[in-house]
Amino acid sequence: MKFFQKISYLQYPMMLFAMYFAIKPYTYIFEVGMENQDKMFADLNSLLIFMGLGISFSTLQDTTKTQNKFSLKTWQNPKKGKRTIFFIAFFTFSILLLGFGLFLFSEKQQFKDLSFGIIALAIGLIGFLKASIEMFNNHRLDKNDNHTIEKP
């Protein structure tokens, strides 16, 4: 197994940490209500950071392989592949602009702090976009002469 393929498995603990920070605010919402907004924003920021890290680690996987038939069919079809890449790019750069906008123009410190988590998520999504483009180039049927790329 390749080195980066092994490192990519760190995506799972990162996503588990993200899930922890997604669930954690509910524990004190039920105890004290919405009074603890600083803790909730801190947990939301941690959630976004760990999601960004998890997505970043997931992009280290081998892009010559797909995980299932649905993704293989998506990346083999030029129209579907381009549409998927456009959607991922639009979503990624929208999240990035939101993070920069909150950082630059927000007057509340809570939102400025939250912007770091949003930017970390966007950086992870940029890596995901790059991996998606590589998967599309590796699997598209209209440009590849070798159609024997490993199938799931």
C-alpha atoms as a PDB file:
ATOM      1  CA  MET A   1       0.000   0.000   0.000  1.00  0.00           C
ATOM      2  CA  LYS A   2       1.314   3.436  -0.870  1.00  0.00           C
ATOM      3  CA  PHE A   3       2.382   5.921   1.804  1.00  0.00           C
ATOM      4  CA  PHE A   4      -0.224   8.556   0.933  1.00  0.00           C
ATOM      5  CA  GLN A   5      -2.928   5.906   0.691  1.00  0.00           C
ATOM      6  CA  LYS A   6      -2.142   4.928   4.281  1.00  0.00           C
ATOM      7  CA  ILE A   7      -2.141   8.541   5.462  1.00  0.00           C
ATOM      8  CA  SER A   8      -5.510   9.087   3.790  1.00  0.00           C
ATOM      9  CA  TYR A   9      -7.073   6.832   6.420  1.00  0.00           C
ATOM     10  CA  LEU A  10      -6.587   9.677   8.910  1.00  0.00           C
ATOM     11  CA  GLN A  11      -9.720  11.135   7.338  1.00  0.00           C
ATOM     12  CA  TYR A  12     -11.833   8.832   9.512  1.00  0.00           C
ATOM     13  CA  PRO A  13     -10.623  10.005  12.942  1.00  0.00           C
ATOM     14  CA  MET A  14     -10.828  13.614  11.727  1.00  0.00           C
ATOM     15  CA  MET A  15     -14.443  13.131  10.702  1.00  0.00           C
ATOM     16  CA  LEU A  16     -15.165  11.435  14.042  1.00  0.00           C
ATOM     17  CA  PHE A  17     -13.765  14.480  15.842  1.00  0.00           C
ATOM     18  CA  ALA A  18     -15.942  16.655  13.608  1.00  0.00           C
ATOM     19  CA  MET A  19     -18.994  14.586  14.549  1.00  0.00           C
ATOM     20  CA  TYR A  20     -18.110  15.004  18.223  1.00  0.00           C
ATOM     21  CA  PHE A  21     -18.070  18.786  17.837  1.00  0.00           C
ATOM     22  CA  ALA A  22     -21.334  18.622  15.873  1.00  0.00           C
ATOM     23  CA  ILE A  23     -23.075  16.747  18.691  1.00  0.00           C
ATOM     24  CA  LYS A  24     -21.432  18.505  21.642  1.00  0.00           C
ATOM     25  CA  PRO A  25     -23.476  21.763  21.486  1.00  0.00           C
ATOM     26  CA  TYR A  26     -26.693  19.791  21.909  1.00  0.00           C
ATOM     27  CA  THR A  27     -25.533  18.641  25.334  1.00  0.00           C
ATOM     28  CA  TYR A  28     -25.465  22.131  26.747  1.00  0.00           C
ATOM     29  CA  ILE A  29     -28.441  23.370  24.745  1.00  0.00           C
ATOM     30  CA  PHE A  30     -30.547  20.843  26.648  1.00  0.00           C
ATOM     31  CA  GLU A  31     -28.893  21.768  29.959  1.00  0.00           C
ATOM     32  CA  VAL A  32     -28.785  25.580  29.871  1.00  0.00           C
ATOM     33  CA  GLY A  33     -30.530  26.567  26.640  1.00  0.00           C
ATOM     34  CA  MET A  34     -29.047  29.022  24.172  1.00  0.00           C
ATOM     35  CA  GLU A  35     -27.157  31.013  26.816  1.00  0.00           C
ATOM     36  CA  ASN A  36     -23.748  29.557  25.972  1.00  0.00           C
ATOM     37  CA  GLN A  37     -23.314  30.922  22.457  1.00  0.00           C
ATOM     38  CA  ASP A  38     -19.550  31.389  22.815  1.00  0.00           C
ATOM     39  CA  LYS A  39     -19.118  27.653  23.423  1.00  0.00           C
ATOM     40  CA  MET A  40     -21.428  26.854  20.529  1.00  0.00           C
ATOM     41  CA  PHE A  41     -19.440  29.047  18.135  1.00  0.00           C
ATOM     42  CA  ALA A  42     -16.166  27.512  19.368  1.00  0.00           C
ATOM     43  CA  ASP A  43     -17.544  24.009  18.787  1.00  0.00           C
ATOM     44  CA  LEU A  44     -18.868  24.952  15.350  1.00  0.00           C
ATOM     45  CA  ASN A  45     -15.432  26.344  14.486  1.00  0.00           C
ATOM     46  CA  SER A  46     -13.786  23.089  15.642  1.00  0.00           C
ATOM     47  CA  LEU A  47     -16.326  21.118  13.611  1.00  0.00           C
ATOM     48  CA  LEU A  48     -15.424  23.047  10.456  1.00  0.00           C
ATOM     49  CA  ILE A  49     -11.674  22.723  11.062  1.00  0.00           C
ATOM     50  CA  PHE A  50     -11.837  18.950  11.570  1.00  0.00           C
ATOM     51  CA  MET A  51     -14.103  18.553   8.528  1.00  0.00           C
ATOM     52  CA  GLY A  52     -11.570  20.486   6.457  1.00  0.00           C
ATOM     53  CA  LEU A  53      -8.761  18.291   7.760  1.00  0.00           C
ATOM     54  CA  GLY A  54     -10.756  15.121   7.088  1.00  0.00           C
ATOM     55  CA  ILE A  55     -11.515  16.200   3.536  1.00  0.00           C
ATOM     56  CA  SER A  56      -7.847  17.120   3.030  1.00  0.00           C
ATOM     57  CA  PHE A  57      -6.707  13.670   4.150  1.00  0.00           C
ATOM     58  CA  SER A  58      -9.322  11.994   1.944  1.00  0.00           C
ATOM     59  CA  THR A  59      -7.828  13.644  -1.141  1.00  0.00           C
ATOM     60  CA  LEU A  60      -4.593  11.690  -0.646  1.00  0.00           C
ATOM     61  CA  GLN A  61      -6.271   8.524  -1.929  1.00  0.00           C
ATOM     62  CA  ASP A  62      -5.384   7.000  -5.281  1.00  0.00           C
ATOM     63  CA  THR A  63      -7.336   8.891  -7.947  1.00  0.00           C
ATOM     64  CA  THR A  64      -6.980   6.082 -10.488  1.00  0.00           C
ATOM     65  CA  LYS A  65      -9.523   4.052  -8.499  1.00  0.00           C
ATOM     66  CA  THR A  66     -13.137   4.770  -7.689  1.00  0.00           C
ATOM     67  CA  GLN A  67     -15.022   3.632  -4.622  1.00  0.00           C
ATOM     68  CA  ASN A  68     -18.268   2.582  -6.286  1.00  0.00           C
ATOM     69  CA  LYS A  69     -20.024   2.171  -9.640  1.00  0.00           C
ATOM     70  CA  PHE A  70     -21.973   5.420  -9.263  1.00  0.00           C
ATOM     71  CA  SER A  71     -18.811   7.533  -9.052  1.00  0.00           C
ATOM     72  CA  LEU A  72     -17.204   5.534 -11.871  1.00  0.00           C
ATOM     73  CA  LYS A  73     -20.180   6.265 -14.146  1.00  0.00           C
ATOM     74  CA  THR A  74     -20.086   9.937 -13.153  1.00  0.00           C
ATOM     75  CA  TRP A  75     -16.379  10.333 -13.940  1.00  0.00           C
ATOM     76  CA  GLN A  76     -16.564   8.322 -17.189  1.00  0.00           C
ATOM     77  CA  ASN A  77     -19.320  10.522 -18.627  1.00  0.00           C
ATOM     78  CA  PRO A  78     -17.861  13.830 -19.894  1.00  0.00           C
ATOM     79  CA  LYS A  79     -21.071  15.813 -19.274  1.00  0.00           C
ATOM     80  CA  LYS A  80     -21.658  14.465 -15.772  1.00  0.00           C
ATOM     81  CA  GLY A  81     -17.997  14.846 -14.864  1.00  0.00           C
ATOM     82  CA  LYS A  82     -17.824  18.469 -15.995  1.00  0.00           C
ATOM     83  CA  ARG A  83     -21.101  19.255 -14.246  1.00  0.00           C
ATOM     84  CA  THR A  84     -19.872  17.652 -11.021  1.00  0.00           C
ATOM     85  CA  ILE A  85     -16.580  19.542 -11.142  1.00  0.00           C
ATOM     86  CA  PHE A  86     -18.439  22.810 -11.775  1.00  0.00           C
ATOM     87  CA  PHE A  87     -20.696  22.171  -8.774  1.00  0.00           C
ATOM     88  CA  ILE A  88     -17.744  21.305  -6.515  1.00  0.00           C
ATOM     89  CA  ALA A  89     -15.818  24.388  -7.701  1.00  0.00           C
ATOM     90  CA  PHE A  90     -18.818  26.686  -7.195  1.00  0.00           C
ATOM     91  CA  PHE A  91     -19.465  25.297  -3.714  1.00  0.00           C
ATOM     92  CA  THR A  92     -15.777  25.464  -2.766  1.00  0.00           C
ATOM     93  CA  PHE A  93     -15.243  29.047  -3.818  1.00  0.00           C
ATOM     94  CA  SER A  94     -18.566  30.141  -2.312  1.00  0.00           C
ATOM     95  CA  ILE A  95     -17.441  28.721   1.038  1.00  0.00           C
ATOM     96  CA  LEU A  96     -14.037  30.394   0.631  1.00  0.00           C
ATOM     97  CA  LEU A  97     -15.633  33.764  -0.148  1.00  0.00           C
ATOM     98  CA  LEU A  98     -17.938  33.381   2.849  1.00  0.00           C
ATOM     99  CA  GLY A  99     -14.941  32.722   5.103  1.00  0.00           C
ATOM    100  CA  PHE A 100     -12.982  35.685   3.778  1.00  0.00           C
ATOM    101  CA  GLY A 101     -16.069  37.891   3.935  1.00  0.00           C
ATOM    102  CA  LEU A 102     -16.718  37.020   7.567  1.00  0.00           C
ATOM    103  CA  PHE A 103     -13.077  37.578   8.431  1.00  0.00           C
ATOM    104  CA  LEU A 104     -12.784  40.933   6.684  1.00  0.00           C
ATOM    105  CA  PHE A 105     -16.189  42.509   7.195  1.00  0.00           C
ATOM    106  CA  SER A 106     -17.696  41.043  10.349  1.00  0.00           C
ATOM    107  CA  GLU A 107     -17.859  43.265  13.397  1.00  0.00           C
ATOM    108  CA  LYS A 108     -18.597  40.429  15.833  1.00  0.00           C
ATOM    109  CA  GLN A 109     -15.560  38.569  17.121  1.00  0.00           C
ATOM    110  CA  GLN A 110     -17.528  35.289  17.143  1.00  0.00           C
ATOM    111  CA  PHE A 111     -17.951  35.474  13.376  1.00  0.00           C
ATOM    112  CA  LYS A 112     -14.309  36.442  12.840  1.00  0.00           C
ATOM    113  CA  ASP A 113     -13.294  33.361  14.839  1.00  0.00           C
ATOM    114  CA  LEU A 114     -15.749  31.199  12.899  1.00  0.00           C
ATOM    115  CA  SER A 115     -14.241  32.418   9.637  1.00  0.00           C
ATOM    116  CA  PHE A 116     -11.040  30.457  10.366  1.00  0.00           C
ATOM    117  CA  GLY A 117     -13.005  27.220  10.469  1.00  0.00           C
ATOM    118  CA  ILE A 118     -14.838  28.124   7.272  1.00  0.00           C
ATOM    119  CA  ILE A 119     -11.553  28.931   5.520  1.00  0.00           C
ATOM    120  CA  ALA A 120     -10.042  25.628   6.766  1.00  0.00           C
ATOM    121  CA  LEU A 121     -13.041  23.786   5.322  1.00  0.00           C
ATOM    122  CA  ALA A 122     -12.623  25.637   2.019  1.00  0.00           C
ATOM    123  CA  ILE A 123      -8.932  24.691   1.853  1.00  0.00           C
ATOM    124  CA  GLY A 124      -9.921  21.050   2.313  1.00  0.00           C
ATOM    125  CA  LEU A 125     -12.500  21.450  -0.433  1.00  0.00           C
ATOM    126  CA  ILE A 126      -9.861  22.905  -2.772  1.00  0.00           C
ATOM    127  CA  GLY A 127      -7.906  19.671  -2.340  1.00  0.00           C
ATOM    128  CA  PHE A 128     -11.119  17.744  -2.959  1.00  0.00           C
ATOM    129  CA  LEU A 129     -11.668  19.741  -6.157  1.00  0.00           C
ATOM    130  CA  LYS A 130      -8.143  18.910  -7.333  1.00  0.00           C
ATOM    131  CA  ALA A 131      -8.687  15.208  -6.609  1.00  0.00           C
ATOM    132  CA  SER A 132     -12.025  15.329  -8.453  1.00  0.00           C
ATOM    133  CA  ILE A 133     -10.381  16.841 -11.523  1.00  0.00           C
ATOM    134  CA  GLU A 134      -7.726  14.101 -11.424  1.00  0.00           C
ATOM    135  CA  MET A 135     -10.407  11.399 -11.082  1.00  0.00           C
ATOM    136  CA  PHE A 136     -12.282  12.875 -14.036  1.00  0.00           C
ATOM    137  CA  ASN A 137      -9.132  12.969 -16.175  1.00  0.00           C
ATOM    138  CA  ASN A 138      -8.213   9.411 -15.176  1.00  0.00           C
ATOM    139  CA  HIS A 139     -11.624   7.877 -15.885  1.00  0.00           C
ATOM    140  CA  ARG A 140     -13.285   9.848 -18.688  1.00  0.00           C
ATOM    141  CA  LEU A 141     -14.017   7.668 -21.678  1.00  0.00           C
ATOM    142  CA  ASP A 142     -13.787  10.347 -24.374  1.00  0.00           C
ATOM    143  CA  LYS A 143     -10.087  11.180 -23.746  1.00  0.00           C
ATOM    144  CA  ASN A 144      -8.585   7.942 -22.423  1.00  0.00           C
ATOM    145  CA  ASP A 145      -7.473   5.257 -24.846  1.00  0.00           C
ATOM    146  CA  ASN A 146      -6.995   2.772 -22.043  1.00  0.00           C
ATOM    147  CA  HIS A 147     -10.462   1.840 -20.805  1.00  0.00           C
ATOM    148  CA  THR A 148      -9.126  -0.850 -18.502  1.00  0.00           C
ATOM    149  CA  ILE A 149      -8.663   1.466 -15.537  1.00  0.00           C
ATOM    150  CA  GLU A 150      -9.470  -0.436 -12.386  1.00  0.00           C
ATOM    151  CA  LYS A 151     -13.189  -0.576 -11.700  1.00  0.00           C
ATOM    152  CA  PRO A 152     -14.710  -0.884  -8.222  1.00  0.00           C
END
